[in-house]
Amino acid sequence: MRTHFCTVITLVLTLAGIAAAEPAINIYADSALYQPGDSIEISLSAENDDEAMSVDVYVGIILPDGEIWSLQPDGWSSSISPWLESEFVPASLEMTPTPILAFGLPSEEPPLIEPGYYSLAAVLTYPGTLE
């Protein structure tokens, strides 16, 4: 029997609350289906059509059991905290999909060992908040 890893991609979340400034971030994997021995490449794109502002950037993987692992400046963690804190997002930003990391399967951190559906998530919040 062949073991498959599946990742649901392109989960888009935007920072809301300020009508004039709404930066957005998109997250991508280089494939939707992986097998042991494959490598996963994760990319981000971003845009900001209005005012410059600072945001906290969260990047995470949601495991099949619902557990969330977030990317930290020094690697993956089961605690949720920003990958980038108070990141300045300039006005008129258009960042095309840019690879941010790659790792092989299976993986201990984040724990991608069992077959199943894994989801990627990227979120922008106001600095120091989860808003």
N, C-alpha and C. Protein backbone atom coordinates (compact mmCIF):
# COMPACT_ATOMS: atom_id res chain seq x y z
N MET A 1 0.84 -1.17 0.00
CA MET A 1 0.00 0.00 0.00
C MET A 1 0.89 1.24 0.00
N ARG A 2 0.56 2.19 -0.80
CA ARG A 2 1.32 3.42 -0.93
C ARG A 2 0.82 4.45 0.09
N THR A 3 1.75 5.13 0.76
CA THR A 3 1.39 6.14 1.74
C THR A 3 1.42 7.51 1.08
N HIS A 4 0.40 8.31 1.30
CA HIS A 4 0.31 9.64 0.70
C HIS A 4 0.17 10.71 1.78
N PHE A 5 0.76 11.83 1.54
CA PHE A 5 0.54 13.02 2.37
C PHE A 5 -0.18 14.01 1.49
N CYS A 6 -1.20 14.61 1.99
CA CYS A 6 -1.94 15.58 1.21
C CYS A 6 -1.95 16.91 1.95
N THR A 7 -1.68 17.99 1.25
CA THR A 7 -1.70 19.31 1.84
C THR A 7 -2.70 20.17 1.10
N VAL A 8 -3.64 20.74 1.83
CA VAL A 8 -4.59 21.67 1.24
C VAL A 8 -3.92 23.03 1.21
N ILE A 9 -3.96 23.69 0.05
CA ILE A 9 -3.17 24.89 -0.13
C ILE A 9 -4.03 26.13 -0.36
N THR A 10 -3.34 27.26 -0.39
CA THR A 10 -3.89 28.57 -0.72
C THR A 10 -5.00 29.00 0.22
N LEU A 11 -4.68 29.04 1.47
CA LEU A 11 -5.59 29.57 2.47
C LEU A 11 -5.26 31.05 2.60
N VAL A 12 -6.18 31.92 2.28
CA VAL A 12 -5.91 33.36 2.25
C VAL A 12 -6.65 34.03 3.39
N LEU A 13 -5.92 34.75 4.21
CA LEU A 13 -6.52 35.51 5.30
C LEU A 13 -6.00 36.93 5.23
N THR A 14 -6.85 37.91 5.47
CA THR A 14 -6.42 39.30 5.39
C THR A 14 -6.58 39.99 6.72
N LEU A 15 -5.80 41.03 6.89
CA LEU A 15 -5.92 41.87 8.07
C LEU A 15 -7.09 42.80 7.84
N ALA A 16 -8.08 42.73 8.70
CA ALA A 16 -9.26 43.57 8.54
C ALA A 16 -9.32 44.58 9.68
N GLY A 17 -10.20 45.52 9.56
CA GLY A 17 -10.40 46.46 10.65
C GLY A 17 -10.03 47.88 10.28
N ILE A 18 -9.10 48.07 9.38
CA ILE A 18 -8.78 49.40 8.90
C ILE A 18 -9.25 49.46 7.47
N ALA A 19 -10.23 50.29 7.21
CA ALA A 19 -10.85 50.33 5.89
C ALA A 19 -9.86 50.72 4.80
N ALA A 20 -8.91 51.59 5.10
CA ALA A 20 -8.01 52.08 4.06
C ALA A 20 -6.83 51.16 3.81
N ALA A 21 -6.47 50.33 4.76
CA ALA A 21 -5.27 49.51 4.60
C ALA A 21 -5.59 48.05 4.87
N GLU A 22 -5.49 47.24 3.85
CA GLU A 22 -5.77 45.83 4.01
C GLU A 22 -4.69 44.99 3.34
N PRO A 23 -3.56 44.80 4.00
CA PRO A 23 -2.57 43.90 3.42
C PRO A 23 -3.11 42.46 3.42
N ALA A 24 -2.63 41.66 2.50
CA ALA A 24 -3.05 40.26 2.40
C ALA A 24 -1.83 39.39 2.20
N ILE A 25 -1.94 38.16 2.65
CA ILE A 25 -0.87 37.19 2.48
C ILE A 25 -1.49 35.90 1.96
N ASN A 26 -0.78 35.23 1.05
CA ASN A 26 -1.22 33.95 0.49
C ASN A 26 -0.09 32.94 0.74
N ILE A 27 -0.46 31.70 0.97
CA ILE A 27 0.52 30.65 1.21
C ILE A 27 0.30 29.51 0.22
N TYR A 28 1.39 28.93 -0.25
CA TYR A 28 1.32 27.89 -1.28
C TYR A 28 2.30 26.76 -0.95
N ALA A 29 1.97 25.57 -1.37
CA ALA A 29 2.91 24.45 -1.39
C ALA A 29 3.13 24.11 -2.85
N ASP A 30 4.27 23.52 -3.16
CA ASP A 30 4.60 23.24 -4.56
C ASP A 30 3.83 22.07 -5.15
N SER A 31 3.05 21.37 -4.34
CA SER A 31 2.23 20.27 -4.81
C SER A 31 1.07 20.09 -3.85
N ALA A 32 0.08 19.34 -4.25
CA ALA A 32 -1.04 19.06 -3.35
C ALA A 32 -0.93 17.68 -2.73
N LEU A 33 -0.07 16.81 -3.26
CA LEU A 33 0.05 15.45 -2.79
C LEU A 33 1.52 15.09 -2.66
N TYR A 34 1.88 14.54 -1.51
CA TYR A 34 3.27 14.16 -1.24
C TYR A 34 3.36 12.73 -0.76
N GLN A 35 4.51 12.11 -0.99
CA GLN A 35 4.80 10.77 -0.52
C GLN A 35 6.08 10.81 0.30
N PRO A 36 6.30 9.83 1.18
CA PRO A 36 7.55 9.79 1.93
C PRO A 36 8.74 9.88 0.96
N GLY A 37 9.73 10.68 1.34
CA GLY A 37 10.89 10.90 0.50
C GLY A 37 10.80 12.18 -0.33
N ASP A 38 9.57 12.71 -0.49
CA ASP A 38 9.40 13.97 -1.22
C ASP A 38 9.85 15.14 -0.36
N SER A 39 10.06 16.26 -1.00
CA SER A 39 10.37 17.51 -0.32
C SER A 39 9.23 18.49 -0.56
N ILE A 40 8.85 19.22 0.48
CA ILE A 40 7.80 20.22 0.39
C ILE A 40 8.46 21.59 0.34
N GLU A 41 8.07 22.41 -0.64
CA GLU A 41 8.52 23.79 -0.68
C GLU A 41 7.32 24.69 -0.42
N ILE A 42 7.45 25.57 0.56
CA ILE A 42 6.37 26.49 0.92
C ILE A 42 6.76 27.90 0.47
N SER A 43 5.81 28.58 -0.19
CA SER A 43 6.02 29.94 -0.67
C SER A 43 4.94 30.86 -0.13
N LEU A 44 5.27 32.15 -0.05
CA LEU A 44 4.31 33.18 0.33
C LEU A 44 4.26 34.25 -0.73
N SER A 45 3.10 34.86 -0.89
CA SER A 45 2.97 36.08 -1.67
C SER A 45 2.24 37.08 -0.78
N ALA A 46 2.39 38.36 -1.07
CA ALA A 46 1.74 39.39 -0.26
C ALA A 46 1.40 40.58 -1.12
N GLU A 47 0.42 41.33 -0.67
CA GLU A 47 0.07 42.56 -1.36
C GLU A 47 -0.52 43.55 -0.36
N ASN A 48 -0.35 44.81 -0.67
CA ASN A 48 -0.93 45.88 0.12
C ASN A 48 -1.28 47.01 -0.84
N ASP A 49 -2.54 47.20 -1.09
CA ASP A 49 -2.99 48.20 -2.06
C ASP A 49 -3.11 49.61 -1.50
N ASP A 50 -2.95 49.76 -0.18
CA ASP A 50 -3.16 51.08 0.40
C ASP A 50 -1.99 51.51 1.27
N GLU A 51 -2.30 52.01 2.47
CA GLU A 51 -1.33 52.60 3.36
C GLU A 51 -0.31 51.60 3.90
N ALA A 52 0.91 52.09 4.13
CA ALA A 52 1.93 51.28 4.78
C ALA A 52 1.52 51.04 6.23
N MET A 53 1.91 49.89 6.77
CA MET A 53 1.62 49.58 8.16
C MET A 53 2.50 48.43 8.62
N SER A 54 2.51 48.17 9.91
CA SER A 54 3.24 47.04 10.47
C SER A 54 2.26 45.94 10.85
N VAL A 55 2.69 44.70 10.68
CA VAL A 55 1.86 43.54 11.01
C VAL A 55 2.74 42.46 11.63
N ASP A 56 2.12 41.56 12.37
CA ASP A 56 2.77 40.32 12.77
C ASP A 56 2.36 39.28 11.74
N VAL A 57 3.31 38.43 11.33
CA VAL A 57 3.06 37.41 10.32
C VAL A 57 3.12 36.03 10.98
N TYR A 58 2.04 35.27 10.85
CA TYR A 58 1.97 33.90 11.36
C TYR A 58 1.92 32.94 10.17
N VAL A 59 2.69 31.86 10.25
CA VAL A 59 2.67 30.80 9.24
C VAL A 59 2.53 29.49 10.01
N GLY A 60 1.59 28.65 9.60
CA GLY A 60 1.38 27.42 10.34
C GLY A 60 0.95 26.26 9.48
N ILE A 61 1.04 25.09 10.08
CA ILE A 61 0.54 23.85 9.47
C ILE A 61 -0.46 23.25 10.45
N ILE A 62 -1.63 22.91 9.94
CA ILE A 62 -2.67 22.29 10.75
C ILE A 62 -2.63 20.79 10.44
N LEU A 63 -2.38 19.99 11.47
CA LEU A 63 -2.26 18.54 11.31
C LEU A 63 -3.64 17.91 11.18
N PRO A 64 -3.70 16.67 10.69
CA PRO A 64 -5.00 16.00 10.53
C PRO A 64 -5.83 15.95 11.81
N ASP A 65 -5.18 15.91 12.98
CA ASP A 65 -5.92 15.86 14.25
C ASP A 65 -6.30 17.25 14.77
N GLY A 66 -5.98 18.32 14.00
CA GLY A 66 -6.33 19.68 14.39
C GLY A 66 -5.24 20.42 15.13
N GLU A 67 -4.17 19.73 15.51
CA GLU A 67 -3.05 20.39 16.18
C GLU A 67 -2.40 21.38 15.21
N ILE A 68 -1.99 22.54 15.74
CA ILE A 68 -1.36 23.57 14.92
C ILE A 68 0.10 23.72 15.30
N TRP A 69 0.96 23.73 14.29
CA TRP A 69 2.38 24.01 14.47
C TRP A 69 2.68 25.30 13.74
N SER A 70 3.36 26.22 14.41
CA SER A 70 3.65 27.50 13.77
C SER A 70 5.14 27.65 13.52
N LEU A 71 5.45 28.31 12.42
CA LEU A 71 6.83 28.61 12.07
C LEU A 71 7.30 29.75 12.97
N GLN A 72 8.44 29.57 13.58
CA GLN A 72 9.05 30.57 14.45
C GLN A 72 10.36 31.02 13.80
N PRO A 73 10.96 32.11 14.25
CA PRO A 73 12.23 32.53 13.68
C PRO A 73 13.32 31.45 13.75
N ASP A 74 13.23 30.56 14.76
CA ASP A 74 14.26 29.52 14.91
C ASP A 74 13.75 28.11 14.58
N GLY A 75 12.64 27.99 13.87
CA GLY A 75 12.11 26.69 13.48
C GLY A 75 10.65 26.55 13.84
N TRP A 76 10.15 25.31 13.83
CA TRP A 76 8.74 25.03 14.08
C TRP A 76 8.49 24.82 15.56
N SER A 77 7.27 25.17 16.01
CA SER A 77 6.90 24.99 17.41
C SER A 77 5.42 24.66 17.51
N SER A 78 5.07 23.90 18.55
CA SER A 78 3.66 23.61 18.79
C SER A 78 2.96 24.76 19.51
N SER A 79 3.71 25.79 19.90
CA SER A 79 3.08 26.99 20.46
C SER A 79 2.89 28.01 19.34
N ILE A 80 1.84 28.78 19.44
CA ILE A 80 1.52 29.74 18.38
C ILE A 80 2.09 31.11 18.74
N SER A 81 3.00 31.57 17.92
CA SER A 81 3.53 32.92 18.04
C SER A 81 3.99 33.36 16.65
N PRO A 82 4.20 34.66 16.45
CA PRO A 82 4.52 35.15 15.11
C PRO A 82 5.85 34.63 14.57
N TRP A 83 5.86 34.42 13.28
CA TRP A 83 7.11 34.11 12.57
C TRP A 83 7.90 35.40 12.41
N LEU A 84 7.22 36.48 12.02
CA LEU A 84 7.82 37.81 11.90
C LEU A 84 7.00 38.77 12.74
N GLU A 85 7.65 39.52 13.61
CA GLU A 85 6.95 40.48 14.46
C GLU A 85 7.13 41.90 13.94
N SER A 86 6.06 42.67 13.99
CA SER A 86 6.07 44.08 13.58
C SER A 86 6.77 44.28 12.24
N GLU A 87 6.40 43.44 11.29
CA GLU A 87 6.98 43.52 9.94
C GLU A 87 6.35 44.69 9.19
N PHE A 88 7.18 45.57 8.65
CA PHE A 88 6.69 46.73 7.92
C PHE A 88 6.23 46.30 6.53
N VAL A 89 4.99 46.65 6.19
CA VAL A 89 4.42 46.35 4.88
C VAL A 89 4.24 47.68 4.16
N PRO A 90 5.07 47.95 3.14
CA PRO A 90 4.96 49.24 2.45
C PRO A 90 3.69 49.33 1.60
N ALA A 91 3.29 50.56 1.33
CA ALA A 91 2.14 50.79 0.45
C ALA A 91 2.48 50.27 -0.94
N SER A 92 1.48 49.84 -1.66
CA SER A 92 1.62 49.34 -3.04
C SER A 92 2.56 48.14 -3.14
N LEU A 93 2.62 47.32 -2.10
CA LEU A 93 3.43 46.11 -2.12
C LEU A 93 2.79 45.06 -3.02
N GLU A 94 3.58 44.43 -3.86
CA GLU A 94 3.14 43.27 -4.64
C GLU A 94 4.29 42.28 -4.66
N MET A 95 4.27 41.34 -3.73
CA MET A 95 5.31 40.32 -3.64
C MET A 95 4.77 39.05 -4.29
N THR A 96 5.42 38.63 -5.39
CA THR A 96 5.00 37.40 -6.07
C THR A 96 5.37 36.20 -5.19
N PRO A 97 4.80 35.02 -5.46
CA PRO A 97 5.13 33.86 -4.63
C PRO A 97 6.65 33.67 -4.52
N THR A 98 7.10 33.67 -3.26
CA THR A 98 8.53 33.57 -2.95
C THR A 98 8.74 32.41 -1.99
N PRO A 99 9.61 31.45 -2.33
CA PRO A 99 9.87 30.33 -1.41
C PRO A 99 10.42 30.84 -0.08
N ILE A 100 9.87 30.31 1.02
CA ILE A 100 10.37 30.69 2.34
C ILE A 100 11.04 29.53 3.06
N LEU A 101 10.67 28.29 2.73
CA LEU A 101 11.32 27.14 3.35
C LEU A 101 10.99 25.87 2.60
N ALA A 102 11.81 24.86 2.84
CA ALA A 102 11.57 23.53 2.27
C ALA A 102 12.01 22.51 3.31
N PHE A 103 11.33 21.37 3.33
CA PHE A 103 11.71 20.28 4.22
C PHE A 103 11.25 18.97 3.62
N GLY A 104 11.89 17.88 4.03
CA GLY A 104 11.57 16.57 3.49
C GLY A 104 10.54 15.83 4.33
N LEU A 105 9.99 14.78 3.72
CA LEU A 105 9.03 13.92 4.39
C LEU A 105 9.62 12.54 4.61
N PRO A 106 9.35 11.90 5.69
CA PRO A 106 8.60 12.43 6.82
C PRO A 106 9.40 13.50 7.56
N SER A 107 8.71 14.23 8.43
CA SER A 107 9.32 15.33 9.17
C SER A 107 8.95 15.21 10.64
N GLU A 108 9.91 15.42 11.52
CA GLU A 108 9.64 15.41 12.96
C GLU A 108 9.10 16.76 13.41
N GLU A 109 9.63 17.86 12.87
CA GLU A 109 9.18 19.21 13.21
C GLU A 109 9.06 20.03 11.95
N PRO A 110 7.87 20.35 11.51
CA PRO A 110 6.59 19.96 12.09
C PRO A 110 6.36 18.47 11.90
N PRO A 111 5.55 17.86 12.76
CA PRO A 111 5.36 16.41 12.69
C PRO A 111 4.48 15.99 11.52
N LEU A 112 5.10 15.71 10.41
CA LEU A 112 4.39 15.23 9.22
C LEU A 112 4.84 13.79 8.99
N ILE A 113 4.28 12.90 9.78
CA ILE A 113 4.71 11.51 9.76
C ILE A 113 3.59 10.60 9.25
N GLU A 114 2.38 10.83 9.74
CA GLU A 114 1.24 10.00 9.38
C GLU A 114 0.59 10.49 8.09
N PRO A 115 0.06 9.57 7.28
CA PRO A 115 -0.71 9.99 6.11
C PRO A 115 -1.93 10.79 6.53
N GLY A 116 -2.36 11.72 5.71
CA GLY A 116 -3.56 12.48 6.02
C GLY A 116 -3.55 13.83 5.34
N TYR A 117 -4.56 14.62 5.67
CA TYR A 117 -4.70 15.95 5.10
C TYR A 117 -4.10 16.98 6.05
N TYR A 118 -3.14 17.72 5.54
CA TYR A 118 -2.46 18.78 6.29
C TYR A 118 -2.79 20.10 5.60
N SER A 119 -3.11 21.12 6.39
CA SER A 119 -3.46 22.42 5.82
C SER A 119 -2.40 23.45 6.19
N LEU A 120 -2.10 24.33 5.25
CA LEU A 120 -1.21 25.46 5.51
C LEU A 120 -2.06 26.67 5.84
N ALA A 121 -1.56 27.53 6.70
CA ALA A 121 -2.27 28.76 7.05
C ALA A 121 -1.27 29.89 7.20
N ALA A 122 -1.65 31.07 6.74
CA ALA A 122 -0.86 32.28 6.92
C ALA A 122 -1.82 33.38 7.35
N VAL A 123 -1.43 34.13 8.37
CA VAL A 123 -2.31 35.15 8.93
C VAL A 123 -1.50 36.41 9.22
N LEU A 124 -2.09 37.56 8.96
CA LEU A 124 -1.53 38.84 9.35
C LEU A 124 -2.39 39.40 10.47
N THR A 125 -1.74 39.92 11.52
CA THR A 125 -2.47 40.54 12.63
C THR A 125 -1.85 41.89 12.96
N TYR A 126 -2.58 42.67 13.72
CA TYR A 126 -1.98 43.88 14.25
C TYR A 126 -0.86 43.48 15.19
N PRO A 127 0.27 44.18 15.21
CA PRO A 127 1.39 43.79 16.08
C PRO A 127 0.97 43.61 17.55
N GLY A 128 1.42 42.50 18.12
CA GLY A 128 1.17 42.22 19.52
C GLY A 128 -0.23 41.77 19.85
N THR A 129 -1.08 41.50 18.84
CA THR A 129 -2.45 41.06 19.07
C THR A 129 -2.74 39.86 18.20
N LEU A 130 -3.87 39.26 18.39
CA LEU A 130 -4.34 38.23 17.46
C LEU A 130 -5.52 38.75 16.65
N GLU A 131 -5.63 40.07 16.56
CA GLU A 131 -6.69 40.69 15.76
C GLU A 131 -6.25 40.79 14.31
